[in-house]
PDB file of N, CA and C in Angstrom:
ATOM      1  N   UNK A   1     -17.110   2.643 -27.540  1.00  0.00           N
ATOM      2  CA  UNK A   1     -18.276   3.494 -27.414  1.00  0.00           C
ATOM      3  C   UNK A   1     -18.132   4.638 -28.421  1.00  0.00           C
ATOM      4  N   UNK A   2     -19.198   4.924 -29.131  1.00  0.00           N
ATOM      5  CA  UNK A   2     -19.135   5.962 -30.149  1.00  0.00           C
ATOM      6  C   UNK A   2     -19.140   7.351 -29.508  1.00  0.00           C
ATOM      7  N   UNK A   3     -18.753   8.330 -30.299  1.00  0.00           N
ATOM      8  CA  UNK A   3     -18.699   9.710 -29.795  1.00  0.00           C
ATOM      9  C   UNK A   3     -20.093  10.212 -29.410  1.00  0.00           C
ATOM     10  N   UNK A   4     -21.102   9.811 -30.172  1.00  0.00           N
ATOM     11  CA  UNK A   4     -22.459  10.269 -29.891  1.00  0.00           C
ATOM     12  C   UNK A   4     -22.925   9.744 -28.536  1.00  0.00           C
ATOM     13  N   UNK A   5     -22.645   8.488 -28.234  1.00  0.00           N
ATOM     14  CA  UNK A   5     -23.029   7.929 -26.939  1.00  0.00           C
ATOM     15  C   UNK A   5     -22.322   8.664 -25.804  1.00  0.00           C
ATOM     16  N   UNK A   6     -21.043   8.989 -25.988  1.00  0.00           N
ATOM     17  CA  UNK A   6     -20.297   9.717 -24.963  1.00  0.00           C
ATOM     18  C   UNK A   6     -20.898  11.101 -24.734  1.00  0.00           C
ATOM     19  N   UNK A   7     -21.277  11.764 -25.817  1.00  0.00           N
ATOM     20  CA  UNK A   7     -21.872  13.102 -25.712  1.00  0.00           C
ATOM     21  C   UNK A   7     -23.212  13.024 -25.002  1.00  0.00           C
ATOM     22  N   UNK A   8     -24.023  12.041 -25.371  1.00  0.00           N
ATOM     23  CA  UNK A   8     -25.335  11.884 -24.734  1.00  0.00           C
ATOM     24  C   UNK A   8     -25.171  11.607 -23.244  1.00  0.00           C
ATOM     25  N   UNK A   9     -24.254  10.744 -22.882  1.00  0.00           N
ATOM     26  CA  UNK A   9     -24.011  10.444 -21.466  1.00  0.00           C
ATOM     27  C   UNK A   9     -23.543  11.698 -20.730  1.00  0.00           C
ATOM     28  N   UNK A  10     -22.651  12.461 -21.340  1.00  0.00           N
ATOM     29  CA  UNK A  10     -22.158  13.690 -20.708  1.00  0.00           C
ATOM     30  C   UNK A  10     -23.292  14.690 -20.501  1.00  0.00           C
ATOM     31  N   UNK A  11     -24.177  14.827 -21.481  1.00  0.00           N
ATOM     32  CA  UNK A  11     -25.305  15.755 -21.360  1.00  0.00           C
ATOM     33  C   UNK A  11     -26.241  15.313 -20.244  1.00  0.00           C
ATOM     34  N   UNK A  12     -26.523  14.034 -20.181  1.00  0.00           N
ATOM     35  CA  UNK A  12     -27.396  13.511 -19.126  1.00  0.00           C
ATOM     36  C   UNK A  12     -26.788  13.770 -17.749  1.00  0.00           C
ATOM     37  N   UNK A  13     -25.500  13.563 -17.610  1.00  0.00           N
ATOM     38  CA  UNK A  13     -24.821  13.806 -16.333  1.00  0.00           C
ATOM     39  C   UNK A  13     -24.901  15.277 -15.951  1.00  0.00           C
ATOM     40  N   UNK A  14     -24.640  16.159 -16.899  1.00  0.00           N
ATOM     41  CA  UNK A  14     -24.682  17.603 -16.620  1.00  0.00           C
ATOM     42  C   UNK A  14     -26.089  18.033 -16.226  1.00  0.00           C
ATOM     43  N   UNK A  15     -27.106  17.547 -16.940  1.00  0.00           N
ATOM     44  CA  UNK A  15     -28.485  17.906 -16.602  1.00  0.00           C
ATOM     45  C   UNK A  15     -28.877  17.363 -15.222  1.00  0.00           C
ATOM     46  N   UNK A  16     -28.434  16.172 -14.907  1.00  0.00           N
ATOM     47  CA  UNK A  16     -28.724  15.582 -13.595  1.00  0.00           C
ATOM     48  C   UNK A  16     -28.079  16.389 -12.476  1.00  0.00           C
ATOM     49  N   UNK A  17     -26.825  16.763 -12.673  1.00  0.00           N
ATOM     50  CA  UNK A  17     -26.133  17.563 -11.658  1.00  0.00           C
ATOM     51  C   UNK A  17     -26.799  18.924 -11.480  1.00  0.00           C
ATOM     52  N   UNK A  18     -27.265  19.505 -12.571  1.00  0.00           N
ATOM     53  CA  UNK A  18     -27.966  20.787 -12.496  1.00  0.00           C
ATOM     54  C   UNK A  18     -29.249  20.677 -11.684  1.00  0.00           C
ATOM     55  N   UNK A  19     -29.995  19.600 -11.899  1.00  0.00           N
ATOM     56  CA  UNK A  19     -31.242  19.395 -11.154  1.00  0.00           C
ATOM     57  C   UNK A  19     -30.957  19.185  -9.671  1.00  0.00           C
ATOM     58  N   UNK A  20     -29.916  18.436  -9.366  1.00  0.00           N
ATOM     59  CA  UNK A  20     -29.544  18.205  -7.967  1.00  0.00           C
ATOM     60  C   UNK A  20     -29.121  19.512  -7.304  1.00  0.00           C
ATOM     61  N   UNK A  21     -28.343  20.318  -8.013  1.00  0.00           N
ATOM     62  CA  UNK A  21     -27.893  21.599  -7.466  1.00  0.00           C
ATOM     63  C   UNK A  21     -29.079  22.537  -7.213  1.00  0.00           C
ATOM     64  N   UNK A  22     -30.031  22.555  -8.119  1.00  0.00           N
ATOM     65  CA  UNK A  22     -31.209  23.414  -7.953  1.00  0.00           C
ATOM     66  C   UNK A  22     -32.002  22.989  -6.723  1.00  0.00           C
ATOM     67  N   UNK A  23     -32.205  21.692  -6.569  1.00  0.00           N
ATOM     68  CA  UNK A  23     -32.920  21.176  -5.409  1.00  0.00           C
ATOM     69  C   UNK A  23     -32.192  21.516  -4.107  1.00  0.00           C
ATOM     70  N   UNK A  24     -30.884  21.380  -4.107  1.00  0.00           N
ATOM     71  CA  UNK A  24     -30.060  21.696  -2.939  1.00  0.00           C
ATOM     72  C   UNK A  24     -30.191  23.180  -2.583  1.00  0.00           C
ATOM     73  N   UNK A  25     -30.124  24.049  -3.593  1.00  0.00           N
ATOM     74  CA  UNK A  25     -30.243  25.488  -3.355  1.00  0.00           C
ATOM     75  C   UNK A  25     -31.611  25.849  -2.805  1.00  0.00           C
ATOM     76  N   UNK A  26     -32.673  25.249  -3.360  1.00  0.00           N
ATOM     77  CA  UNK A  26     -34.012  25.545  -2.868  1.00  0.00           C
ATOM     78  C   UNK A  26     -34.169  25.097  -1.415  1.00  0.00           C
ATOM     79  N   UNK A  27     -33.622  23.949  -1.077  1.00  0.00           N
ATOM     80  CA  UNK A  27     -33.694  23.469   0.312  1.00  0.00           C
ATOM     81  C   UNK A  27     -32.970  24.443   1.241  1.00  0.00           C
ATOM     82  N   UNK A  28     -31.759  24.854   0.865  1.00  0.00           N
ATOM     83  CA  UNK A  28     -31.000  25.793   1.699  1.00  0.00           C
ATOM     84  C   UNK A  28     -31.694  27.136   1.819  1.00  0.00           C
ATOM     85  N   UNK A  29     -32.266  27.631   0.731  1.00  0.00           N
ATOM     86  CA  UNK A  29     -32.960  28.912   0.778  1.00  0.00           C
ATOM     87  C   UNK A  29     -34.221  28.812   1.628  1.00  0.00           C
ATOM     88  N   UNK A  30     -34.874  27.654   1.622  1.00  0.00           N
ATOM     89  CA  UNK A  30     -36.036  27.466   2.488  1.00  0.00           C
ATOM     90  C   UNK A  30     -35.619  27.545   3.951  1.00  0.00           C
ATOM     91  N   UNK A  31     -34.529  26.885   4.286  1.00  0.00           N
ATOM     92  CA  UNK A  31     -34.031  26.930   5.668  1.00  0.00           C
ATOM     93  C   UNK A  31     -33.658  28.357   6.070  1.00  0.00           C
ATOM     94  N   UNK A  32     -32.991  29.081   5.182  1.00  0.00           N
ATOM     95  CA  UNK A  32     -32.621  30.473   5.477  1.00  0.00           C
ATOM     96  C   UNK A  32     -33.860  31.345   5.605  1.00  0.00           C
ATOM     97  N   UNK A  33     -34.858  31.113   4.749  1.00  0.00           N
ATOM     98  CA  UNK A  33     -36.090  31.911   4.783  1.00  0.00           C
ATOM     99  C   UNK A  33     -36.830  31.693   6.096  1.00  0.00           C
ATOM    100  N   UNK A  34     -36.882  30.457   6.578  1.00  0.00           N
ATOM    101  CA  UNK A  34     -37.550  30.180   7.852  1.00  0.00           C
ATOM    102  C   UNK A  34     -36.857  30.940   8.980  1.00  0.00           C
ATOM    103  N   UNK A  35     -35.540  30.941   8.984  1.00  0.00           N
ATOM    104  CA  UNK A  35     -34.795  31.664  10.021  1.00  0.00           C
ATOM    105  C   UNK A  35     -35.006  33.171   9.894  1.00  0.00           C
ATOM    106  N   UNK A  36     -34.950  33.670   8.670  1.00  0.00           N
ATOM    107  CA  UNK A  36     -35.032  35.114   8.426  1.00  0.00           C
ATOM    108  C   UNK A  36     -36.459  35.652   8.588  1.00  0.00           C
ATOM    109  N   UNK A  37     -37.453  34.905   8.113  1.00  0.00           N
ATOM    110  CA  UNK A  37     -38.842  35.378   8.105  1.00  0.00           C
ATOM    111  C   UNK A  37     -39.602  35.016   9.383  1.00  0.00           C
ATOM    112  N   UNK A  38     -39.074  34.114  10.164  1.00  0.00           N
ATOM    113  CA  UNK A  38     -39.727  33.736  11.408  1.00  0.00           C
ATOM    114  C   UNK A  38     -40.367  32.362  11.352  1.00  0.00           C
ATOM    115  N   UNK A  39     -41.197  32.108  10.352  1.00  0.00           N
ATOM    116  CA  UNK A  39     -41.796  30.787  10.173  1.00  0.00           C
ATOM    117  C   UNK A  39     -42.253  30.630   8.717  1.00  0.00           C
ATOM    118  N   UNK A  40     -42.773  29.449   8.384  1.00  0.00           N
ATOM    119  CA  UNK A  40     -43.155  29.178   6.992  1.00  0.00           C
ATOM    120  C   UNK A  40     -44.304  30.056   6.512  1.00  0.00           C
ATOM    121  N   UNK A  41     -45.170  30.481   7.427  1.00  0.00           N
ATOM    122  CA  UNK A  41     -46.318  31.303   7.040  1.00  0.00           C
ATOM    123  C   UNK A  41     -45.903  32.695   6.577  1.00  0.00           C
ATOM    124  N   UNK A  42     -44.724  33.156   6.961  1.00  0.00           N
ATOM    125  CA  UNK A  42     -44.255  34.494   6.597  1.00  0.00           C
ATOM    126  C   UNK A  42     -43.406  34.505   5.327  1.00  0.00           C
ATOM    127  N   UNK A  43     -43.269  33.373   4.660  1.00  0.00           N
ATOM    128  CA  UNK A  43     -42.458  33.286   3.447  1.00  0.00           C
ATOM    129  C   UNK A  43     -43.340  33.525   2.227  1.00  0.00           C
ATOM    130  N   UNK A  44     -42.965  34.513   1.418  1.00  0.00           N
ATOM    131  CA  UNK A  44     -43.721  34.805   0.198  1.00  0.00           C
ATOM    132  C   UNK A  44     -43.333  33.841  -0.920  1.00  0.00           C
ATOM    133  N   UNK A  45     -42.023  33.635  -1.138  1.00  0.00           N
ATOM    134  CA  UNK A  45     -41.583  32.701  -2.170  1.00  0.00           C
ATOM    135  C   UNK A  45     -40.171  32.238  -1.899  1.00  0.00           C
ATOM    136  N   UNK A  46     -39.875  31.047  -2.383  1.00  0.00           N
ATOM    137  CA  UNK A  46     -38.536  30.474  -2.296  1.00  0.00           C
ATOM    138  C   UNK A  46     -38.244  29.814  -3.636  1.00  0.00           C
ATOM    139  N   UNK A  47     -37.078  30.101  -4.191  1.00  0.00           N
ATOM    140  CA  UNK A  47     -36.631  29.396  -5.392  1.00  0.00           C
ATOM    141  C   UNK A  47     -35.130  29.189  -5.291  1.00  0.00           C
ATOM    142  N   UNK A  48     -34.532  28.682  -6.357  1.00  0.00           N
ATOM    143  CA  UNK A  48     -33.116  28.359  -6.303  1.00  0.00           C
ATOM    144  C   UNK A  48     -32.225  29.595  -6.279  1.00  0.00           C
ATOM    145  N   UNK A  49     -32.804  30.763  -6.531  1.00  0.00           N
ATOM    146  CA  UNK A  49     -32.017  32.006  -6.550  1.00  0.00           C
ATOM    147  C   UNK A  49     -32.115  32.787  -5.246  1.00  0.00           C
ATOM    148  N   UNK A  50     -33.127  32.490  -4.430  1.00  0.00           N
ATOM    149  CA  UNK A  50     -33.285  33.219  -3.179  1.00  0.00           C
ATOM    150  C   UNK A  50     -34.667  33.035  -2.594  1.00  0.00           C
ATOM    151  N   UNK A  51     -35.058  33.993  -1.724  1.00  0.00           N
ATOM    152  CA  UNK A  51     -36.343  33.929  -1.069  1.00  0.00           C
ATOM    153  C   UNK A  51     -36.842  35.327  -0.766  1.00  0.00           C
ATOM    154  N   UNK A  52     -38.151  35.429  -0.496  1.00  0.00           N
ATOM    155  CA  UNK A  52     -38.754  36.694  -0.100  1.00  0.00           C
ATOM    156  C   UNK A  52     -39.702  36.446   1.066  1.00  0.00           C
ATOM    157  N   UNK A  53     -39.659  37.356   2.020  1.00  0.00           N
ATOM    158  CA  UNK A  53     -40.593  37.295   3.143  1.00  0.00           C
ATOM    159  C   UNK A  53     -41.804  38.147   2.829  1.00  0.00           C
ATOM    160  N   UNK A  54     -42.949  37.774   3.427  1.00  0.00           N
ATOM    161  CA  UNK A  54     -44.141  38.597   3.302  1.00  0.00           C
ATOM    162  C   UNK A  54     -43.936  39.839   4.150  1.00  0.00           C
ATOM    163  N   UNK A  55     -44.543  40.924   3.722  1.00  0.00           N
ATOM    164  CA  UNK A  55     -44.437  42.188   4.481  1.00  0.00           C
ATOM    165  C   UNK A  55     -45.319  42.200   5.681  1.00  0.00           C
TER     166      UNK A  55
END
């Protein structure tokens, strides 16, 4: 296998793992936001970095 193919495969793996991690974080933050904010209607935003409740 050539070096270029190995590099391309490594990049694809890293990007895939990053996408999976982001999805996992958003799911966990959604669960935390529901507990913290009371219900889904009180959540202002959720992303992979955190969440905000409506005032």
